[in-house]
Amino acid sequence: MTTLIPHFIDGQRVEGTGEPTQDVFTPATGEVSAQVSLGGAERVAEAVESAQRAFQTWSTINPQRRGRILLEWVRLINENADELARSIAREHGKTVPDAHGDIQRGVEVVEFAAGAPHLLKGEFSSEVGRGVDVHSIRQPLGVVAGITPFNFPAMIPLWKAGCALAAGNTIVLKPSERDPSVPVRLAELAVEAGMPAGAVNVVNGGKDAVDALIEHEAVQAVAFVGSTPIAQSIYAHATSLGKRAQCFGGAKNHLVIMPDADLDQAADGLIGAAFGSAGERCMAISVAVPVGEETADKLVAKLQERMKDLTMGASDQEGADFGPVVTAQAKERIEGLIQAGVDEGADLLVDGRGATVEGHENGFYVGATLFDRVTADMRIYKEEIFGPVLCVLRAKDYEEALRLPSEHEFGNGVSIFTRDGDTARDFSTRVNVGMVGVNVPIPVPIAYYSFGGWKASGFGDLNQYGTDGLKFYTKTKTVTTRWPSGIRSGASFVMPEGS
């Protein structure tokens, strides 16, 4: 009998009796491993009502105690990390060690958020006028929504929930229906850690659930990660209703390789950044931009040599570098884009189409793929492939290499490999992209900075996690105070001056 993955509402698992369901696959084998209930507006309303009740308790707990509960949540997540990682690997397809990284990067943000008592402090000014003081307070919004993608089923729900909860909000998560088991388990561990029932709720579903969350009058803010068209649509929908929104979309991350770079370091960085997690990362490097023909020739040779040693395998296979992509539809789309690259004239040096893994012939595998002499008008350059495909676009000089990521539709992440500090500084300052790495292949900021792309990669003025995350999930109240001093000056009919 197929397992039915439930919702998690008001502190307990809730079976979606009578609701439609969707198959959840094991990408490594191509088999159905479970089914997930797809809730709609009624299920969302139930979750939001639970979150409203929990907010009355959670928001009144002092931030230091909330921080202790968050750290207990971290302890429980770490204690159950192997179970969670294997669940991610089973439903997503990434390798078990990579799934552990998914969990760890989420946990780091919760650890940061536990320090919220310091970061939520307001400001105070005395004697701004005669006998008048002013202070500000950062207060939680209430119930917030997190709509999270399939590619990081632990990390991004933890990014959203960590900052929201630390600030005193309660949250309703709507994770991807492709790999929903881990968010449900994380919510269960939150209750075990000491959060009130309803502080973290999980509703599985599709567009109906998303629309219901956005439109529910009690939901004060909407946070989303996914594709750009949906990010833009959700941002427009939420803000039109007066809600806060931060919506992060697609990416086309470049890595510029200067002639003075350590080419072995650059090639190693590219191999991991392009093909790790089968390229299903919003921070995957999908475009290598070597400067000059000599640099390009040497780099491409090193990439080809390293690609011979890559091991594609099942998610739990010892020594596998990467596993399958998430669905048969994803495999079909990626292979279609590879063919588009061939049709448009790019040099296909390594073809990952038709790849199989022995014993798992029905799995959703796409092998590591390398294109050379890609041009900026090709689909494989313009579109986010979200698969293990690396495109080499040769730049004639530094200015062209700088211009390519700056002028691309997406502006999520970019890196440069160079030994020259002046070049690195100039590039970091001038490039029109939100996150920059210097001799770092995947420039994901640590938890106490913030994560966010520019242009079509992000909609909203505040990034995820870091101090931006806490600002997004709080509102500022300013209080002006004067106590009676025995001085009576009568009514005033003009605007008061500051001194």
Protein backbone atom coordinates (compact mmCIF):
# COMPACT_ATOMS: atom_id res chain seq x y z
CA MET A 1 0.00 0.00 0.00
CA THR A 2 1.45 3.39 -1.05
CA THR A 3 2.36 5.78 1.77
CA LEU A 4 0.25 8.96 1.91
CA ILE A 5 2.23 12.03 2.95
CA PRO A 6 -0.02 14.20 5.14
CA HIS A 7 -0.19 17.88 6.04
CA PHE A 8 1.02 19.10 9.43
CA ILE A 9 -1.46 21.42 11.15
CA ASP A 10 -1.90 22.49 14.77
CA GLY A 11 0.90 20.27 16.00
CA GLN A 12 -0.11 17.02 14.34
CA ARG A 13 -0.10 15.12 11.07
CA VAL A 14 -3.40 15.56 9.22
CA GLU A 15 -4.46 13.06 6.57
CA GLY A 16 -5.96 14.70 3.52
CA THR A 17 -9.06 12.52 3.47
CA GLY A 18 -11.06 13.12 0.33
CA GLU A 19 -8.45 15.41 -1.21
CA PRO A 20 -6.79 14.77 -4.58
CA THR A 21 -3.33 13.24 -4.47
CA GLN A 22 -0.15 13.36 -6.53
CA ASP A 23 2.53 10.72 -6.98
CA VAL A 24 5.91 11.28 -5.31
CA PHE A 25 8.70 9.55 -7.19
CA THR A 26 12.08 8.14 -6.30
CA PRO A 27 14.09 9.72 -9.14
CA ALA A 28 16.90 7.17 -8.81
CA THR A 29 14.59 4.33 -9.84
CA GLY A 30 11.71 6.12 -11.54
CA GLU A 31 9.27 4.39 -9.20
CA VAL A 32 6.43 5.93 -7.20
CA SER A 33 7.46 5.93 -3.54
CA ALA A 34 4.45 7.70 -2.03
CA GLN A 35 1.50 9.94 -2.69
CA VAL A 36 0.92 13.40 -1.27
CA SER A 37 -2.40 14.98 -0.35
CA LEU A 38 -3.12 18.21 -2.21
CA GLY A 39 -4.97 20.63 0.01
CA GLY A 40 -6.95 23.64 -1.16
CA ALA A 41 -8.50 26.73 0.36
CA GLU A 42 -10.21 24.90 3.23
CA ARG A 43 -6.98 23.21 4.32
CA VAL A 44 -5.10 26.50 4.08
CA ALA A 45 -7.76 28.22 6.21
CA GLU A 46 -7.40 25.49 8.84
CA ALA A 47 -3.62 25.99 8.93
CA VAL A 48 -3.84 29.78 9.08
CA GLU A 49 -6.36 29.64 11.93
CA SER A 50 -3.99 27.36 13.84
CA ALA A 51 -1.11 29.77 13.18
CA GLN A 52 -3.22 32.69 14.42
CA ARG A 53 -3.91 30.90 17.69
CA ALA A 54 -0.25 29.98 18.11
CA PHE A 55 0.79 33.59 17.42
CA GLN A 56 -1.01 34.71 20.57
CA THR A 57 1.36 32.53 22.58
CA TRP A 58 4.56 32.52 20.53
CA SER A 59 4.74 36.30 20.03
CA THR A 60 4.52 36.93 23.79
CA ILE A 61 7.45 34.66 24.62
CA ASN A 62 10.52 36.82 25.07
CA PRO A 63 13.03 36.66 22.19
CA GLN A 64 15.74 35.04 24.30
CA ARG A 65 13.50 32.13 25.22
CA ARG A 66 12.37 31.83 21.60
CA GLY A 67 16.05 31.62 20.72
CA ARG A 68 16.57 28.74 23.15
CA ILE A 69 13.67 26.87 21.57
CA LEU A 70 15.12 27.46 18.12
CA LEU A 71 18.45 26.03 19.29
CA GLU A 72 16.64 22.97 20.66
CA TRP A 73 15.05 22.63 17.20
CA VAL A 74 18.55 22.73 15.71
CA ARG A 75 19.67 20.02 18.13
CA LEU A 76 16.78 17.76 17.13
CA ILE A 77 17.36 18.37 13.43
CA ASN A 78 21.03 17.43 13.84
CA GLU A 79 20.06 14.38 15.88
CA ASN A 80 17.77 13.24 13.05
CA ALA A 81 19.97 14.47 10.20
CA ASP A 82 20.66 11.06 8.67
CA GLU A 83 16.95 10.20 8.53
CA LEU A 84 16.19 13.60 6.97
CA ALA A 85 19.04 13.34 4.46
CA ARG A 86 17.96 9.92 3.28
CA SER A 87 14.41 11.18 2.86
CA ILE A 88 15.69 14.11 0.76
CA ALA A 89 17.82 11.75 -1.34
CA ARG A 90 14.91 9.40 -1.87
CA GLU A 91 12.44 12.04 -3.03
CA HIS A 92 14.72 14.63 -4.65
CA GLY A 93 17.49 12.50 -6.10
CA LYS A 94 20.56 14.33 -4.75
CA THR A 95 23.21 12.20 -3.07
CA VAL A 96 23.03 11.58 0.67
CA PRO A 97 26.17 13.67 1.43
CA ASP A 98 24.70 16.54 -0.63
CA ALA A 99 21.42 16.17 1.25
CA HIS A 100 23.33 16.56 4.52
CA GLY A 101 24.65 19.84 3.13
CA ASP A 102 21.07 20.90 2.32
CA ILE A 103 20.17 20.42 5.99
CA GLN A 104 23.34 22.06 7.33
CA ARG A 105 22.94 25.27 5.35
CA GLY A 106 19.38 25.56 6.64
CA VAL A 107 20.41 24.89 10.23
CA GLU A 108 23.04 27.63 10.06
CA VAL A 109 20.34 30.23 9.39
CA VAL A 110 18.25 28.98 12.34
CA GLU A 111 21.37 29.22 14.53
CA PHE A 112 21.85 32.82 13.36
CA ALA A 113 18.18 33.60 13.97
CA ALA A 114 18.48 32.38 17.56
CA GLY A 115 20.52 35.54 18.17
CA ALA A 116 17.50 37.71 17.37
CA PRO A 117 17.30 39.36 20.81
CA HIS A 118 20.28 41.49 19.86
CA LEU A 119 19.14 42.08 16.27
CA LEU A 120 15.56 43.00 17.17
CA LYS A 121 16.58 45.81 19.51
CA GLY A 122 14.97 49.15 18.76
CA GLU A 123 16.45 52.62 19.10
CA PHE A 124 16.11 55.31 21.78
CA SER A 125 16.70 59.07 21.75
CA SER A 126 16.18 61.27 24.79
CA GLU A 127 15.28 64.96 24.85
CA VAL A 128 14.42 65.22 21.16
CA GLY A 129 12.27 68.11 22.34
CA ARG A 130 11.68 69.70 25.72
CA GLY A 131 10.88 66.72 27.95
CA VAL A 132 10.24 64.48 24.91
CA ASP A 133 11.83 61.07 24.26
CA VAL A 134 11.46 58.80 21.21
CA HIS A 135 11.99 55.07 20.92
CA SER A 136 11.28 52.41 18.30
CA ILE A 137 10.13 48.81 18.64
CA ARG A 138 10.44 45.97 16.12
CA GLN A 139 7.30 43.83 16.30
CA PRO A 140 6.30 40.62 14.49
CA LEU A 141 3.84 40.74 11.60
CA GLY A 142 1.64 37.79 12.62
CA VAL A 143 1.03 34.83 10.32
CA VAL A 144 3.39 34.55 7.35
CA ALA A 145 3.60 32.14 4.42
CA GLY A 146 6.63 30.35 2.96
CA ILE A 147 6.29 28.79 -0.51
CA THR A 148 9.40 26.70 -1.11
CA PRO A 149 10.92 24.76 -4.05
CA PHE A 150 11.80 21.13 -4.65
CA ASN A 151 15.57 21.55 -4.98
CA PHE A 152 16.25 22.33 -1.29
CA PRO A 153 13.45 20.70 0.72
CA ALA A 154 15.19 21.33 4.06
CA MET A 155 17.35 24.41 3.55
CA ILE A 156 14.84 26.88 2.18
CA PRO A 157 11.96 26.01 4.56
CA LEU A 158 14.48 26.50 7.39
CA TRP A 159 15.61 29.82 5.89
CA LYS A 160 12.03 31.04 5.85
CA ALA A 161 10.92 29.61 9.18
CA GLY A 162 14.08 30.46 11.13
CA CYS A 163 13.91 34.24 10.75
CA ALA A 164 10.11 34.36 10.84
CA LEU A 165 9.89 32.41 14.09
CA ALA A 166 12.78 34.23 15.76
CA ALA A 167 10.96 37.51 15.17
CA GLY A 168 7.83 36.14 16.87
CA ASN A 169 5.74 35.23 13.82
CA THR A 170 4.09 31.92 13.08
CA ILE A 171 4.35 30.35 9.64
CA VAL A 172 2.45 28.23 7.15
CA LEU A 173 4.78 26.43 4.75
CA LYS A 174 3.66 25.25 1.31
CA PRO A 175 6.56 23.06 0.14
CA SER A 176 7.01 21.46 -3.26
CA GLU A 177 4.69 18.53 -3.78
CA ARG A 178 7.60 16.69 -5.48
CA ASP A 179 9.50 16.05 -2.21
CA PRO A 180 7.25 17.01 0.72
CA SER A 181 8.25 14.56 3.46
CA VAL A 182 11.08 16.56 5.05
CA PRO A 183 9.14 19.81 5.65
CA VAL A 184 6.46 17.79 7.46
CA ARG A 185 9.13 16.14 9.62
CA LEU A 186 10.79 19.51 10.36
CA ALA A 187 7.45 20.88 11.58
CA GLU A 188 7.02 17.83 13.79
CA LEU A 189 10.48 18.43 15.31
CA ALA A 190 9.56 22.08 15.94
CA VAL A 191 6.74 20.99 18.23
CA GLU A 192 9.07 18.50 19.94
CA ALA A 193 11.51 21.37 20.51
CA GLY A 194 8.89 23.31 22.49
CA MET A 195 7.12 25.53 19.98
CA PRO A 196 3.37 25.81 20.46
CA ALA A 197 1.15 23.73 18.19
CA GLY A 198 0.49 25.82 15.11
CA ALA A 199 3.74 27.79 15.18
CA VAL A 200 4.86 25.82 12.11
CA ASN A 201 2.22 24.36 9.82
CA VAL A 202 2.69 22.56 6.50
CA VAL A 203 0.04 22.43 3.80
CA ASN A 204 0.83 20.36 0.73
CA GLY A 205 -0.84 21.42 -2.47
CA GLY A 206 -0.60 23.14 -5.83
CA LYS A 207 -1.71 26.48 -7.23
CA ASP A 208 -5.01 26.43 -5.32
CA ALA A 209 -3.14 26.28 -2.02
CA VAL A 210 -0.73 29.02 -3.08
CA ASP A 211 -3.54 31.35 -4.12
CA ALA A 212 -5.45 30.66 -0.91
CA LEU A 213 -2.39 31.52 1.18
CA ILE A 214 -1.76 34.76 -0.69
CA GLU A 215 -5.41 35.82 -0.48
CA HIS A 216 -6.08 34.88 3.15
CA GLU A 217 -6.59 38.15 5.02
CA ALA A 218 -4.64 36.93 8.07
CA VAL A 219 -1.47 36.20 6.09
CA GLN A 220 0.73 39.28 6.40
CA ALA A 221 3.74 38.35 4.26
CA VAL A 222 4.58 35.91 1.47
CA ALA A 223 8.06 34.50 0.80
CA PHE A 224 8.70 32.42 -2.33
CA VAL A 225 11.55 30.66 -4.11
CA GLY A 226 11.08 29.07 -7.54
CA SER A 227 11.02 29.98 -11.21
CA THR A 228 11.01 33.60 -12.37
CA PRO A 229 7.55 33.62 -14.03
CA ILE A 230 5.93 32.27 -10.87
CA ALA A 231 8.02 34.53 -8.62
CA GLN A 232 6.89 37.58 -10.58
CA SER A 233 3.27 36.44 -10.55
CA ILE A 234 3.22 35.76 -6.79
CA TYR A 235 4.97 39.07 -6.06
CA ALA A 236 2.40 41.00 -8.11
CA HIS A 237 -0.50 39.09 -6.54
CA ALA A 238 0.67 39.51 -2.96
CA THR A 239 1.64 43.16 -3.21
CA SER A 240 -1.61 44.03 -4.96
CA LEU A 241 -3.32 42.87 -1.75
CA GLY A 242 -1.06 45.05 0.39
CA LYS A 243 1.10 42.19 1.67
CA ARG A 244 4.85 42.12 2.03
CA ALA A 245 6.53 39.83 -0.48
CA GLN A 246 10.01 38.56 -1.26
CA CYS A 247 10.04 36.30 -4.31
CA PHE A 248 13.19 34.77 -5.74
CA GLY A 249 13.32 33.33 -9.24
CA GLY A 250 15.66 31.79 -11.76
CA ALA A 251 19.35 32.19 -12.42
CA LYS A 252 22.07 31.95 -15.03
CA ASN A 253 25.23 32.10 -12.96
CA HIS A 254 28.51 32.90 -14.71
CA LEU A 255 32.09 32.14 -13.70
CA VAL A 256 34.68 34.39 -15.33
CA ILE A 257 38.18 32.94 -15.70
CA MET A 258 40.95 35.47 -16.24
CA PRO A 259 44.20 34.52 -18.01
CA ASP A 260 46.13 34.80 -14.73
CA ALA A 261 43.77 32.46 -12.83
CA ASP A 262 44.82 29.12 -11.38
CA LEU A 263 43.16 27.04 -14.11
CA ASP A 264 43.25 23.81 -12.12
CA GLN A 265 41.44 25.53 -9.26
CA ALA A 266 38.97 27.05 -11.72
CA ALA A 267 38.30 23.73 -13.45
CA ASP A 268 37.78 21.92 -10.14
CA GLY A 269 35.41 24.68 -9.00
CA LEU A 270 33.44 24.54 -12.23
CA ILE A 271 33.03 20.76 -12.14
CA GLY A 272 31.52 20.82 -8.66
CA ALA A 273 29.46 23.96 -9.19
CA ALA A 274 28.03 22.89 -12.54
CA PHE A 275 27.30 19.22 -11.89
CA GLY A 276 26.73 18.94 -8.13
CA SER A 277 23.12 18.04 -7.35
CA ALA A 278 22.73 17.38 -11.11
CA GLY A 279 22.76 21.14 -11.64
CA GLU A 280 19.46 21.57 -9.78
CA ARG A 281 20.66 24.51 -7.68
CA CYS A 282 19.72 28.14 -8.13
CA MET A 283 23.40 28.90 -7.46
CA ALA A 284 24.79 26.31 -9.89
CA ILE A 285 27.37 27.70 -12.30
CA SER A 286 26.01 27.06 -15.78
CA VAL A 287 28.20 29.44 -17.83
CA ALA A 288 32.00 29.49 -17.86
CA VAL A 289 33.48 32.67 -19.39
CA PRO A 290 37.20 32.24 -20.08
CA VAL A 291 38.93 35.44 -21.25
CA GLY A 292 40.98 34.91 -24.39
CA GLU A 293 41.32 31.92 -26.71
CA GLU A 294 44.40 30.51 -24.98
CA THR A 295 42.68 30.55 -21.59
CA ALA A 296 39.58 28.97 -23.12
CA ASP A 297 41.48 26.17 -24.86
CA LYS A 298 43.37 25.24 -21.71
CA LEU A 299 40.25 25.42 -19.53
CA VAL A 300 38.11 23.31 -21.86
CA ALA A 301 40.83 20.62 -22.00
CA LYS A 302 40.98 20.48 -18.21
CA LEU A 303 37.17 20.27 -17.95
CA GLN A 304 36.99 17.41 -20.45
CA GLU A 305 39.70 15.51 -18.59
CA ARG A 306 37.92 15.89 -15.25
CA MET A 307 34.53 14.95 -16.66
CA LYS A 308 35.88 11.51 -17.58
CA ASP A 309 36.18 10.76 -13.86
CA LEU A 310 32.69 11.88 -12.83
CA THR A 311 30.46 9.22 -11.30
CA MET A 312 26.72 9.51 -11.78
CA GLY A 313 24.77 7.12 -9.60
CA ALA A 314 21.79 6.41 -7.43
CA SER A 315 21.29 8.85 -4.59
CA ASP A 316 22.48 6.38 -1.95
CA GLN A 317 25.37 5.01 -4.04
CA GLU A 318 28.72 5.25 -2.30
CA GLY A 319 31.05 7.56 -4.19
CA ALA A 320 28.46 9.00 -6.56
CA ASP A 321 29.21 12.62 -7.49
CA PHE A 322 25.62 13.39 -8.45
CA GLY A 323 22.34 11.60 -8.93
CA PRO A 324 19.27 11.90 -11.16
CA VAL A 325 17.15 14.94 -11.87
CA VAL A 326 13.86 15.24 -10.05
CA THR A 327 11.27 14.05 -12.62
CA ALA A 328 10.92 12.48 -16.04
CA GLN A 329 9.60 15.85 -17.28
CA ALA A 330 12.75 17.60 -16.04
CA LYS A 331 14.91 15.05 -17.86
CA GLU A 332 12.92 15.56 -21.07
CA ARG A 333 13.21 19.34 -20.84
CA ILE A 334 16.98 19.28 -20.19
CA GLU A 335 17.63 16.90 -23.04
CA GLY A 336 15.47 19.08 -25.29
CA LEU A 337 17.62 22.10 -24.46
CA ILE A 338 20.78 20.11 -25.18
CA GLN A 339 19.38 19.38 -28.64
CA ALA A 340 18.53 23.08 -29.03
CA GLY A 341 22.18 23.91 -28.33
CA VAL A 342 23.29 21.49 -31.04
CA ASP A 343 20.72 22.88 -33.49
CA GLU A 344 21.88 26.46 -32.85
CA GLY A 345 25.52 25.63 -33.56
CA ALA A 346 27.24 25.23 -30.18
CA ASP A 347 30.01 22.61 -30.00
CA LEU A 348 28.75 19.67 -27.94
CA LEU A 349 31.92 18.22 -26.45
CA VAL A 350 30.37 15.90 -23.85
CA ASP A 351 26.79 14.67 -24.36
CA GLY A 352 24.89 13.54 -21.27
CA ARG A 353 21.75 12.43 -23.07
CA GLY A 354 20.72 8.80 -22.81
CA ALA A 355 22.76 8.22 -19.67
CA THR A 356 21.76 5.30 -17.47
CA VAL A 357 22.85 3.75 -14.19
CA GLU A 358 23.16 0.00 -14.01
CA GLY A 359 20.30 -1.49 -12.06
CA HIS A 360 18.34 1.78 -12.23
CA GLU A 361 17.60 1.99 -15.93
CA ASN A 362 14.23 3.69 -15.34
CA GLY A 363 15.72 6.48 -13.22
CA PHE A 364 15.66 10.10 -14.36
CA TYR A 365 19.33 10.46 -15.26
CA VAL A 366 21.05 13.09 -17.38
CA GLY A 367 24.81 12.85 -17.66
CA ALA A 368 27.24 15.75 -17.31
CA THR A 369 27.15 17.80 -20.52
CA LEU A 370 29.68 20.31 -21.86
CA PHE A 371 29.16 22.86 -24.64
CA ASP A 372 31.89 25.07 -26.09
CA ARG A 373 31.67 28.17 -28.28
CA VAL A 374 28.22 29.09 -27.00
CA THR A 375 26.98 32.55 -28.01
CA ALA A 376 24.73 34.99 -26.15
CA ASP A 377 21.82 34.55 -28.60
CA MET A 378 21.44 30.80 -27.97
CA ARG A 379 18.64 29.35 -25.84
CA ILE A 380 21.12 27.35 -23.74
CA TYR A 381 22.68 30.68 -22.72
CA LYS A 382 19.51 32.69 -22.26
CA GLU A 383 17.39 30.11 -20.41
CA GLU A 384 17.89 28.47 -17.03
CA ILE A 385 18.47 24.80 -17.85
CA PHE A 386 18.46 23.56 -14.24
CA GLY A 387 20.39 20.43 -15.12
CA PRO A 388 23.99 19.18 -15.41
CA VAL A 389 24.86 21.31 -18.45
CA LEU A 390 27.87 23.66 -18.56
CA CYS A 391 28.19 26.20 -21.37
CA VAL A 392 31.54 27.78 -22.28
CA LEU A 393 31.18 31.25 -23.77
CA ARG A 394 34.54 32.68 -24.81
CA ALA A 395 35.12 36.38 -24.10
CA LYS A 396 37.72 38.32 -26.08
CA ASP A 397 38.62 40.58 -23.14
CA TYR A 398 37.78 41.52 -19.56
CA GLU A 399 35.17 44.13 -20.50
CA GLU A 400 33.18 41.61 -22.52
CA ALA A 401 33.41 39.10 -19.67
CA LEU A 402 32.09 41.75 -17.26
CA ARG A 403 29.32 42.75 -19.63
CA LEU A 404 27.89 39.24 -20.13
CA PRO A 405 26.56 38.62 -16.58
CA SER A 406 25.76 42.31 -16.14
CA GLU A 407 23.47 42.36 -19.19
CA HIS A 408 21.88 38.94 -18.69
CA GLU A 409 18.20 38.81 -17.73
CA PHE A 410 19.09 37.04 -14.47
CA GLY A 411 21.31 38.49 -11.76
CA ASN A 412 21.56 35.87 -9.06
CA GLY A 413 25.23 34.92 -8.63
CA VAL A 414 28.55 35.36 -10.42
CA SER A 415 32.18 34.52 -9.72
CA ILE A 416 35.58 35.53 -11.02
CA PHE A 417 38.81 33.54 -10.78
CA THR A 418 41.92 35.72 -10.87
CA ARG A 419 45.16 36.34 -8.99
CA ASP A 420 44.89 40.10 -9.49
CA GLY A 421 43.30 42.06 -6.65
CA ASP A 422 42.59 45.13 -8.76
CA THR A 423 40.65 43.07 -11.31
CA ALA A 424 38.71 41.30 -8.56
CA ARG A 425 37.85 44.59 -6.86
CA ASP A 426 36.75 46.24 -10.10
CA PHE A 427 34.64 43.23 -11.08
CA SER A 428 32.97 42.97 -7.66
CA THR A 429 32.10 46.67 -7.75
CA ARG A 430 30.85 46.98 -11.31
CA VAL A 431 29.08 43.69 -12.07
CA ASN A 432 25.27 43.99 -12.04
CA VAL A 433 24.60 40.82 -10.03
CA GLY A 434 23.45 40.36 -6.42
CA MET A 435 26.01 37.84 -5.11
CA VAL A 436 29.65 37.76 -6.15
CA GLY A 437 32.45 35.28 -5.53
CA VAL A 438 36.18 35.82 -5.96
CA ASN A 439 37.98 32.49 -6.44
CA VAL A 440 34.83 30.97 -4.90
CA PRO A 441 32.76 28.94 -7.39
CA ILE A 442 29.37 29.19 -5.67
CA PRO A 443 29.04 32.53 -3.86
CA VAL A 444 26.33 31.63 -1.34
CA PRO A 445 26.66 34.03 1.61
CA ILE A 446 27.02 32.71 5.13
CA ALA A 447 24.01 32.91 7.42
CA TYR A 448 24.75 36.29 9.01
CA TYR A 449 24.91 38.10 5.68
CA SER A 450 22.00 37.71 3.25
CA PHE A 451 21.05 35.80 0.13
CA GLY A 452 19.35 37.47 -2.80
CA GLY A 453 19.61 38.01 -6.54
CA TRP A 454 18.93 41.03 -8.70
CA LYS A 455 16.95 41.69 -11.91
CA ALA A 456 14.73 38.74 -12.87
CA SER A 457 16.24 36.64 -10.08
CA GLY A 458 14.54 38.53 -7.26
CA PHE A 459 11.43 40.63 -6.60
CA GLY A 460 11.24 42.67 -3.42
CA ASP A 461 13.65 44.98 -1.64
CA LEU A 462 14.86 42.68 1.17
CA ASN A 463 16.91 39.51 0.85
CA GLN A 464 16.54 36.15 2.56
CA TYR A 465 18.02 35.53 6.02
CA GLY A 466 20.62 37.70 7.76
CA THR A 467 19.44 41.03 9.12
CA ASP A 468 17.33 41.47 5.97
CA GLY A 469 15.34 38.38 6.94
CA LEU A 470 14.54 39.77 10.36
CA LYS A 471 13.61 43.15 8.86
CA PHE A 472 11.27 41.45 6.39
CA TYR A 473 9.44 39.61 9.16
CA THR A 474 9.04 42.62 11.48
CA LYS A 475 7.43 46.06 11.41
CA THR A 476 8.78 49.15 13.14
CA LYS A 477 6.70 51.09 15.62
CA THR A 478 7.95 54.49 16.77
CA VAL A 479 6.81 55.87 20.14
CA THR A 480 7.11 59.54 21.13
CA THR A 481 6.77 60.14 24.89
CA ARG A 482 6.37 63.16 27.18
CA TRP A 483 5.51 62.88 30.85
CA PRO A 484 3.79 65.70 32.81
CA SER A 485 6.39 68.02 34.31
CA GLY A 486 4.14 70.61 35.94
CA ILE A 487 4.66 73.01 33.06
CA ARG A 488 1.44 74.06 31.33
CA SER A 489 1.72 76.00 28.13
CA GLY A 490 -1.82 75.66 26.79
CA ALA A 491 -2.95 74.42 23.38
CA SER A 492 -0.60 74.67 20.38
CA PHE A 493 -1.81 75.06 16.82
CA VAL A 494 1.50 74.77 14.95
CA MET A 495 3.73 71.79 14.14
CA PRO A 496 6.19 71.27 16.98
CA GLU A 497 9.88 71.79 16.29
CA GLY A 498 12.50 69.23 17.16
CA SER A 499 14.13 71.39 19.80
